[in-house]
Amino acid sequence: MKIQILGSGCPRCKQTETNAREAVKNLGLDAEVEKITDINKIADFGVMATPALAVDGDVKFSGRIPSVEEIEKILK
């Protein structure tokens, strides 16, 4: 499983990454967490507002910080 955090590296993006890593740890998943900061790559996902979170290339959240619990729900 590949989890991608899309954003410029702002505090909101960093919090999204922290929440994603915590959700992966809580669920005991073998997942790669990747940060994507390149604006062109972010646009390729169709994301207009960051932070965003994608799982295996499919955008699940955009424009807000998802909670650890929300991320856990989509990863189960």
N, C-alpha and C. Protein backbone atom coordinates (compact mmCIF):
# COMPACT_ATOMS: atom_id res chain seq x y z
N MET A 1 0.85 -1.18 0.00
CA MET A 1 0.00 0.00 0.00
C MET A 1 0.89 1.23 0.00
N LYS A 2 0.49 2.23 -0.78
CA LYS A 2 1.25 3.47 -0.85
C LYS A 2 0.33 4.63 -0.48
N ILE A 3 0.74 5.37 0.54
CA ILE A 3 0.00 6.55 0.99
C ILE A 3 0.81 7.77 0.57
N GLN A 4 0.15 8.67 -0.14
CA GLN A 4 0.84 9.86 -0.62
C GLN A 4 0.24 11.11 0.03
N ILE A 5 1.13 11.92 0.58
CA ILE A 5 0.73 13.19 1.16
C ILE A 5 1.08 14.26 0.13
N LEU A 6 0.08 14.98 -0.33
CA LEU A 6 0.27 15.99 -1.37
C LEU A 6 0.20 17.37 -0.74
N GLY A 7 1.28 18.14 -0.88
CA GLY A 7 1.30 19.48 -0.32
C GLY A 7 2.68 20.09 -0.37
N SER A 8 2.72 21.36 -0.05
CA SER A 8 3.95 22.14 -0.18
C SER A 8 4.95 21.92 0.95
N GLY A 9 4.49 21.30 2.02
CA GLY A 9 5.36 21.14 3.19
C GLY A 9 5.00 22.10 4.30
N CYS A 10 3.82 22.70 4.19
CA CYS A 10 3.34 23.64 5.22
C CYS A 10 2.98 22.86 6.49
N PRO A 11 2.74 23.56 7.59
CA PRO A 11 2.37 22.87 8.84
C PRO A 11 1.15 21.96 8.70
N ARG A 12 0.17 22.35 7.90
CA ARG A 12 -1.02 21.50 7.69
C ARG A 12 -0.64 20.21 6.97
N CYS A 13 0.26 20.31 6.01
CA CYS A 13 0.72 19.13 5.27
C CYS A 13 1.51 18.20 6.20
N LYS A 14 2.33 18.80 7.05
CA LYS A 14 3.12 18.01 7.99
C LYS A 14 2.22 17.30 8.99
N GLN A 15 1.13 17.95 9.42
CA GLN A 15 0.20 17.32 10.35
C GLN A 15 -0.52 16.16 9.67
N THR A 16 -0.86 16.34 8.40
CA THR A 16 -1.50 15.25 7.65
C THR A 16 -0.57 14.05 7.57
N GLU A 17 0.71 14.30 7.32
CA GLU A 17 1.68 13.21 7.27
C GLU A 17 1.80 12.51 8.63
N THR A 18 1.87 13.31 9.70
CA THR A 18 1.96 12.74 11.05
C THR A 18 0.75 11.86 11.34
N ASN A 19 -0.44 12.35 10.99
CA ASN A 19 -1.66 11.58 11.23
C ASN A 19 -1.67 10.29 10.41
N ALA A 20 -1.20 10.36 9.17
CA ALA A 20 -1.16 9.17 8.32
C ALA A 20 -0.20 8.13 8.89
N ARG A 21 0.98 8.58 9.31
CA ARG A 21 1.95 7.65 9.88
C ARG A 21 1.41 7.00 11.16
N GLU A 22 0.71 7.78 11.97
CA GLU A 22 0.13 7.24 13.21
C GLU A 22 -0.95 6.20 12.89
N ALA A 23 -1.79 6.48 11.88
CA ALA A 23 -2.83 5.54 11.49
C ALA A 23 -2.23 4.23 10.99
N VAL A 24 -1.17 4.32 10.20
CA VAL A 24 -0.49 3.12 9.69
C VAL A 24 0.07 2.31 10.86
N LYS A 25 0.68 3.01 11.81
CA LYS A 25 1.26 2.34 12.98
C LYS A 25 0.16 1.68 13.82
N ASN A 26 -0.93 2.41 14.07
CA ASN A 26 -2.02 1.88 14.88
C ASN A 26 -2.63 0.61 14.29
N LEU A 27 -2.70 0.57 12.95
CA LEU A 27 -3.30 -0.58 12.27
C LEU A 27 -2.29 -1.69 11.99
N GLY A 28 -1.00 -1.40 12.22
CA GLY A 28 0.03 -2.40 11.97
C GLY A 28 0.19 -2.73 10.50
N LEU A 29 -0.02 -1.74 9.64
CA LEU A 29 0.05 -1.97 8.20
C LEU A 29 1.47 -1.86 7.67
N ASP A 30 1.70 -2.56 6.58
CA ASP A 30 2.97 -2.44 5.85
C ASP A 30 2.68 -1.48 4.71
N ALA A 31 2.90 -0.19 4.95
CA ALA A 31 2.56 0.83 3.96
C ALA A 31 3.72 1.81 3.82
N GLU A 32 3.89 2.29 2.62
CA GLU A 32 4.89 3.32 2.33
C GLU A 32 4.18 4.67 2.38
N VAL A 33 4.75 5.62 3.12
CA VAL A 33 4.21 6.97 3.17
C VAL A 33 5.16 7.87 2.40
N GLU A 34 4.64 8.49 1.35
CA GLU A 34 5.45 9.32 0.46
C GLU A 34 4.93 10.75 0.47
N LYS A 35 5.84 11.71 0.53
CA LYS A 35 5.46 13.12 0.45
C LYS A 35 5.68 13.59 -0.97
N ILE A 36 4.68 14.27 -1.53
CA ILE A 36 4.80 14.85 -2.86
C ILE A 36 4.62 16.35 -2.73
N THR A 37 5.68 17.08 -3.05
CA THR A 37 5.64 18.54 -2.93
C THR A 37 5.67 19.24 -4.29
N ASP A 38 5.95 18.51 -5.35
CA ASP A 38 6.01 19.09 -6.69
C ASP A 38 4.59 19.48 -7.13
N ILE A 39 4.40 20.77 -7.39
CA ILE A 39 3.06 21.30 -7.71
C ILE A 39 2.49 20.66 -8.97
N ASN A 40 3.34 20.33 -9.93
CA ASN A 40 2.86 19.69 -11.16
C ASN A 40 2.37 18.27 -10.89
N LYS A 41 3.07 17.55 -10.04
CA LYS A 41 2.63 16.20 -9.68
C LYS A 41 1.33 16.24 -8.89
N ILE A 42 1.22 17.24 -8.01
CA ILE A 42 -0.02 17.41 -7.23
C ILE A 42 -1.18 17.69 -8.19
N ALA A 43 -0.94 18.56 -9.17
CA ALA A 43 -1.98 18.88 -10.16
C ALA A 43 -2.38 17.65 -10.98
N ASP A 44 -1.43 16.75 -11.22
CA ASP A 44 -1.73 15.53 -11.96
C ASP A 44 -2.77 14.67 -11.24
N PHE A 45 -2.85 14.81 -9.92
CA PHE A 45 -3.86 14.09 -9.14
C PHE A 45 -5.23 14.77 -9.23
N GLY A 46 -5.26 15.99 -9.79
CA GLY A 46 -6.50 16.75 -9.85
C GLY A 46 -6.79 17.49 -8.58
N VAL A 47 -5.79 17.62 -7.72
CA VAL A 47 -5.95 18.28 -6.42
C VAL A 47 -5.80 19.79 -6.59
N MET A 48 -6.81 20.53 -6.11
CA MET A 48 -6.77 21.99 -6.19
C MET A 48 -6.51 22.63 -4.83
N ALA A 49 -6.69 21.87 -3.76
CA ALA A 49 -6.47 22.41 -2.40
C ALA A 49 -5.68 21.38 -1.59
N THR A 50 -4.64 21.88 -0.95
CA THR A 50 -3.82 21.00 -0.11
C THR A 50 -4.07 21.36 1.35
N PRO A 51 -3.76 20.47 2.26
CA PRO A 51 -3.14 19.17 2.04
C PRO A 51 -4.13 18.18 1.45
N ALA A 52 -3.58 17.16 0.81
CA ALA A 52 -4.40 16.08 0.29
C ALA A 52 -3.72 14.76 0.64
N LEU A 53 -4.51 13.72 0.67
CA LEU A 53 -3.99 12.39 0.98
C LEU A 53 -4.57 11.42 -0.04
N ALA A 54 -3.66 10.64 -0.66
CA ALA A 54 -4.07 9.64 -1.63
C ALA A 54 -3.60 8.27 -1.16
N VAL A 55 -4.39 7.25 -1.47
CA VAL A 55 -4.03 5.88 -1.17
C VAL A 55 -3.96 5.14 -2.50
N ASP A 56 -2.79 4.61 -2.81
CA ASP A 56 -2.57 3.91 -4.08
C ASP A 56 -3.03 4.74 -5.27
N GLY A 57 -2.74 6.06 -5.22
CA GLY A 57 -3.04 6.95 -6.33
C GLY A 57 -4.45 7.51 -6.36
N ASP A 58 -5.30 7.12 -5.42
CA ASP A 58 -6.68 7.58 -5.37
C ASP A 58 -6.83 8.60 -4.24
N VAL A 59 -7.18 9.85 -4.59
CA VAL A 59 -7.29 10.92 -3.59
C VAL A 59 -8.49 10.65 -2.68
N LYS A 60 -8.21 10.62 -1.38
CA LYS A 60 -9.25 10.35 -0.38
C LYS A 60 -9.66 11.60 0.38
N PHE A 61 -8.72 12.52 0.60
CA PHE A 61 -8.99 13.77 1.32
C PHE A 61 -8.28 14.90 0.59
N SER A 62 -8.91 16.07 0.56
CA SER A 62 -8.29 17.23 -0.08
C SER A 62 -8.79 18.51 0.59
N GLY A 63 -7.85 19.42 0.86
CA GLY A 63 -8.22 20.72 1.39
C GLY A 63 -8.40 20.80 2.89
N ARG A 64 -8.13 19.70 3.59
CA ARG A 64 -8.24 19.71 5.05
C ARG A 64 -7.34 18.63 5.63
N ILE A 65 -7.16 18.71 6.94
CA ILE A 65 -6.34 17.73 7.64
C ILE A 65 -7.25 16.61 8.14
N PRO A 66 -7.12 15.40 7.59
CA PRO A 66 -7.93 14.30 8.10
C PRO A 66 -7.41 13.83 9.45
N SER A 67 -8.31 13.42 10.32
CA SER A 67 -7.91 12.92 11.63
C SER A 67 -7.31 11.52 11.49
N VAL A 68 -6.61 11.09 12.52
CA VAL A 68 -6.05 9.74 12.54
C VAL A 68 -7.18 8.73 12.34
N GLU A 69 -8.31 8.94 13.01
CA GLU A 69 -9.43 8.01 12.93
C GLU A 69 -10.00 7.95 11.52
N GLU A 70 -10.11 9.10 10.85
CA GLU A 70 -10.61 9.12 9.47
C GLU A 70 -9.69 8.35 8.54
N ILE A 71 -8.39 8.52 8.73
CA ILE A 71 -7.42 7.83 7.89
C ILE A 71 -7.50 6.33 8.15
N GLU A 72 -7.61 5.95 9.41
CA GLU A 72 -7.71 4.52 9.76
C GLU A 72 -8.92 3.89 9.06
N LYS A 73 -10.05 4.61 9.00
CA LYS A 73 -11.26 4.07 8.37
C LYS A 73 -11.03 3.73 6.90
N ILE A 74 -10.33 4.62 6.18
CA ILE A 74 -10.14 4.36 4.75
C ILE A 74 -9.04 3.33 4.49
N LEU A 75 -8.18 3.10 5.48
CA LEU A 75 -7.10 2.12 5.29
C LEU A 75 -7.53 0.70 5.64
N LYS A 76 -8.63 0.56 6.36
CA LYS A 76 -9.07 -0.78 6.78
C LYS A 76 -9.64 -1.55 5.60
